[in-house]
């Protein structure tokens, strides 16, 4: 069973940057496809970004528009989401997810989920 632990959520000003992390533990594989989702108050959870197990392929939600970058360090079993040019509408709980597929972008394709980390962007 894979456990995912997010960290790095914070309160930042609009226009600022933040990097959140997700450490995976307990798995039997050396790497998983990883993804980030977010859920704002009163809204459904939405896809933010994903990276393939090899790290060679990435996907982003339409709203990202070049502001976020997903990466992974297999040696550290850690995935990152670098967020730049943050906007108040980016305020949400950000969830890390891991998939045993080679790449995944939809919630049902992910097998493991973290508890989330709060990102708040002030105007």
C-alpha atoms as a PDB file:
ATOM      1  CA  UNK A   1       0.000   0.000   0.000  1.00  0.00           C
ATOM      2  CA  UNK A   2       1.406   3.353  -1.060  1.00  0.00           C
ATOM      3  CA  UNK A   3       1.195   6.279   1.327  1.00  0.00           C
ATOM      4  CA  UNK A   4       1.419   9.812  -0.023  1.00  0.00           C
ATOM      5  CA  UNK A   5       2.260  12.828   2.078  1.00  0.00           C
ATOM      6  CA  UNK A   6       1.959  16.325   0.681  1.00  0.00           C
ATOM      7  CA  UNK A   7       3.755  19.328   2.113  1.00  0.00           C
ATOM      8  CA  UNK A   8       4.591  22.902   1.275  1.00  0.00           C
ATOM      9  CA  UNK A   9       1.151  24.431   1.211  1.00  0.00           C
ATOM     10  CA  UNK A  10       1.111  28.029   2.399  1.00  0.00           C
ATOM     11  CA  UNK A  11      -0.428  31.469   2.201  1.00  0.00           C
ATOM     12  CA  UNK A  12       1.112  33.463  -0.636  1.00  0.00           C
ATOM     13  CA  UNK A  13       0.363  36.741  -2.330  1.00  0.00           C
ATOM     14  CA  UNK A  14      -1.011  36.945  -5.833  1.00  0.00           C
ATOM     15  CA  UNK A  15       1.797  36.844  -8.360  1.00  0.00           C
ATOM     16  CA  UNK A  16       3.980  34.801  -6.066  1.00  0.00           C
ATOM     17  CA  UNK A  17       5.396  31.309  -6.366  1.00  0.00           C
ATOM     18  CA  UNK A  18       5.172  28.150  -4.337  1.00  0.00           C
ATOM     19  CA  UNK A  19       6.446  24.605  -4.634  1.00  0.00           C
ATOM     20  CA  UNK A  20       4.529  21.792  -3.065  1.00  0.00           C
ATOM     21  CA  UNK A  21       5.881  18.294  -2.607  1.00  0.00           C
ATOM     22  CA  UNK A  22       4.546  14.775  -2.333  1.00  0.00           C
ATOM     23  CA  UNK A  23       6.563  11.955  -0.820  1.00  0.00           C
ATOM     24  CA  UNK A  24       5.559   8.388  -1.600  1.00  0.00           C
ATOM     25  CA  UNK A  25       6.322   5.484   0.703  1.00  0.00           C
ATOM     26  CA  UNK A  26       5.374   1.871   1.200  1.00  0.00           C
ATOM     27  CA  UNK A  27       5.098   0.917  -2.449  1.00  0.00           C
ATOM     28  CA  UNK A  28       6.645  -2.077  -4.111  1.00  0.00           C
ATOM     29  CA  UNK A  29       7.459  -0.343  -7.365  1.00  0.00           C
ATOM     30  CA  UNK A  30      10.348   2.010  -7.981  1.00  0.00           C
ATOM     31  CA  UNK A  31       8.147   4.571  -9.668  1.00  0.00           C
ATOM     32  CA  UNK A  32       4.534   5.479 -10.279  1.00  0.00           C
ATOM     33  CA  UNK A  33       2.744   7.904 -12.529  1.00  0.00           C
ATOM     34  CA  UNK A  34       1.976  10.918 -10.362  1.00  0.00           C
ATOM     35  CA  UNK A  35      -0.652  13.574 -10.507  1.00  0.00           C
ATOM     36  CA  UNK A  36      -1.867  16.687  -8.757  1.00  0.00           C
ATOM     37  CA  UNK A  37      -5.497  17.636  -8.328  1.00  0.00           C
ATOM     38  CA  UNK A  38      -7.087  20.495  -6.460  1.00  0.00           C
ATOM     39  CA  UNK A  39     -10.407  21.261  -4.839  1.00  0.00           C
ATOM     40  CA  UNK A  40     -11.612  24.735  -3.997  1.00  0.00           C
ATOM     41  CA  UNK A  41     -14.434  25.325  -1.502  1.00  0.00           C
ATOM     42  CA  UNK A  42     -17.785  24.518  -3.055  1.00  0.00           C
ATOM     43  CA  UNK A  43     -16.232  23.149  -6.231  1.00  0.00           C
ATOM     44  CA  UNK A  44     -15.448  19.729  -7.589  1.00  0.00           C
ATOM     45  CA  UNK A  45     -11.932  18.383  -7.551  1.00  0.00           C
ATOM     46  CA  UNK A  46     -10.113  19.169 -10.792  1.00  0.00           C
ATOM     47  CA  UNK A  47      -7.032  17.902 -12.571  1.00  0.00           C
ATOM     48  CA  UNK A  48      -3.939  20.084 -12.302  1.00  0.00           C
ATOM     49  CA  UNK A  49      -0.994  18.135 -13.690  1.00  0.00           C
ATOM     50  CA  UNK A  50       0.386  14.653 -14.230  1.00  0.00           C
ATOM     51  CA  UNK A  51       3.706  13.056 -15.012  1.00  0.00           C
ATOM     52  CA  UNK A  52       4.372   9.604 -16.397  1.00  0.00           C
ATOM     53  CA  UNK A  53       6.216   6.953 -14.399  1.00  0.00           C
ATOM     54  CA  UNK A  54       9.271   7.522 -16.578  1.00  0.00           C
ATOM     55  CA  UNK A  55       9.076  11.275 -16.129  1.00  0.00           C
ATOM     56  CA  UNK A  56       9.136  11.790 -19.862  1.00  0.00           C
ATOM     57  CA  UNK A  57       5.549  12.883 -20.374  1.00  0.00           C
ATOM     58  CA  UNK A  58       3.582  15.584 -18.616  1.00  0.00           C
ATOM     59  CA  UNK A  59       0.028  16.857 -18.888  1.00  0.00           C
ATOM     60  CA  UNK A  60      -1.597  19.972 -17.475  1.00  0.00           C
ATOM     61  CA  UNK A  61      -5.072  21.252 -16.864  1.00  0.00           C
ATOM     62  CA  UNK A  62      -6.253  23.923 -19.279  1.00  0.00           C
ATOM     63  CA  UNK A  63      -6.207  26.628 -16.630  1.00  0.00           C
ATOM     64  CA  UNK A  64      -2.485  26.146 -15.955  1.00  0.00           C
ATOM     65  CA  UNK A  65      -1.379  27.997 -19.109  1.00  0.00           C
ATOM     66  CA  UNK A  66       2.339  27.568 -18.486  1.00  0.00           C
ATOM     67  CA  UNK A  67       2.292  28.708 -14.863  1.00  0.00           C
ATOM     68  CA  UNK A  68       2.830  25.330 -13.183  1.00  0.00           C
ATOM     69  CA  UNK A  69       5.442  22.630 -13.659  1.00  0.00           C
ATOM     70  CA  UNK A  70       5.212  19.064 -12.424  1.00  0.00           C
ATOM     71  CA  UNK A  71       8.358  17.056 -11.825  1.00  0.00           C
ATOM     72  CA  UNK A  72       9.453  13.936 -10.022  1.00  0.00           C
ATOM     73  CA  UNK A  73      12.598  12.692  -8.343  1.00  0.00           C
ATOM     74  CA  UNK A  74      12.486   8.914  -8.424  1.00  0.00           C
ATOM     75  CA  UNK A  75      15.483   8.549  -6.117  1.00  0.00           C
ATOM     76  CA  UNK A  76      13.619  10.548  -3.460  1.00  0.00           C
ATOM     77  CA  UNK A  77      10.190   9.072  -4.310  1.00  0.00           C
ATOM     78  CA  UNK A  78       8.982  12.639  -4.457  1.00  0.00           C
ATOM     79  CA  UNK A  79       6.804  14.572  -6.871  1.00  0.00           C
ATOM     80  CA  UNK A  80       6.740  18.344  -7.018  1.00  0.00           C
ATOM     81  CA  UNK A  81       4.433  20.997  -8.317  1.00  0.00           C
ATOM     82  CA  UNK A  82       6.093  24.336  -8.934  1.00  0.00           C
ATOM     83  CA  UNK A  83       3.460  27.060  -9.153  1.00  0.00           C
ATOM     84  CA  UNK A  84       4.290  30.519 -10.474  1.00  0.00           C
ATOM     85  CA  UNK A  85       2.191  33.612 -11.118  1.00  0.00           C
ATOM     86  CA  UNK A  86      -0.328  32.429  -8.567  1.00  0.00           C
ATOM     87  CA  UNK A  87      -3.820  33.885  -8.622  1.00  0.00           C
ATOM     88  CA  UNK A  88      -6.496  34.044  -5.915  1.00  0.00           C
ATOM     89  CA  UNK A  89      -8.503  31.513  -7.931  1.00  0.00           C
ATOM     90  CA  UNK A  90      -5.670  29.011  -7.398  1.00  0.00           C
ATOM     91  CA  UNK A  91      -6.701  28.832  -3.753  1.00  0.00           C
ATOM     92  CA  UNK A  92      -7.578  25.214  -2.998  1.00  0.00           C
ATOM     93  CA  UNK A  93      -6.545  22.046  -1.268  1.00  0.00           C
ATOM     94  CA  UNK A  94      -4.010  20.357  -3.515  1.00  0.00           C
ATOM     95  CA  UNK A  95      -3.971  16.575  -3.582  1.00  0.00           C
ATOM     96  CA  UNK A  96      -1.215  14.280  -4.745  1.00  0.00           C
ATOM     97  CA  UNK A  97      -2.125  10.993  -6.386  1.00  0.00           C
ATOM     98  CA  UNK A  98      -0.197   7.977  -7.643  1.00  0.00           C
ATOM     99  CA  UNK A  99      -1.139   5.531 -10.360  1.00  0.00           C
ATOM    100  CA  UNK A 100       0.147   2.102 -11.289  1.00  0.00           C
ATOM    101  CA  UNK A 101      -0.508   2.945 -14.916  1.00  0.00           C
ATOM    102  CA  UNK A 102       2.327   4.405 -16.975  1.00  0.00           C
ATOM    103  CA  UNK A 103       0.450   7.691 -17.166  1.00  0.00           C
ATOM    104  CA  UNK A 104      -2.845   8.883 -15.756  1.00  0.00           C
ATOM    105  CA  UNK A 105      -4.846  12.077 -15.872  1.00  0.00           C
ATOM    106  CA  UNK A 106      -8.312  11.120 -14.608  1.00  0.00           C
ATOM    107  CA  UNK A 107      -9.265  10.453 -11.014  1.00  0.00           C
ATOM    108  CA  UNK A 108     -10.395   6.813 -11.518  1.00  0.00           C
ATOM    109  CA  UNK A 109      -6.966   6.028 -12.983  1.00  0.00           C
ATOM    110  CA  UNK A 110      -5.199   6.876  -9.741  1.00  0.00           C
ATOM    111  CA  UNK A 111      -4.898   4.211  -7.070  1.00  0.00           C
ATOM    112  CA  UNK A 112      -3.482   6.163  -4.133  1.00  0.00           C
ATOM    113  CA  UNK A 113      -4.239   9.607  -2.722  1.00  0.00           C
ATOM    114  CA  UNK A 114      -2.708  11.933  -0.180  1.00  0.00           C
ATOM    115  CA  UNK A 115      -4.578  13.950   2.408  1.00  0.00           C
ATOM    116  CA  UNK A 116      -3.986  17.274   0.698  1.00  0.00           C
ATOM    117  CA  UNK A 117      -2.159  20.496   1.422  1.00  0.00           C
ATOM    118  CA  UNK A 118      -3.797  23.915   1.585  1.00  0.00           C
ATOM    119  CA  UNK A 119      -2.661  26.622  -0.805  1.00  0.00           C
ATOM    120  CA  UNK A 120      -4.140  30.060  -0.242  1.00  0.00           C
ATOM    121  CA  UNK A 121      -3.445  32.972  -2.548  1.00  0.00           C
ATOM    122  CA  UNK A 122      -4.299  36.421  -1.262  1.00  0.00           C
ATOM    123  CA  UNK A 123      -5.144  39.317  -3.543  1.00  0.00           C
END
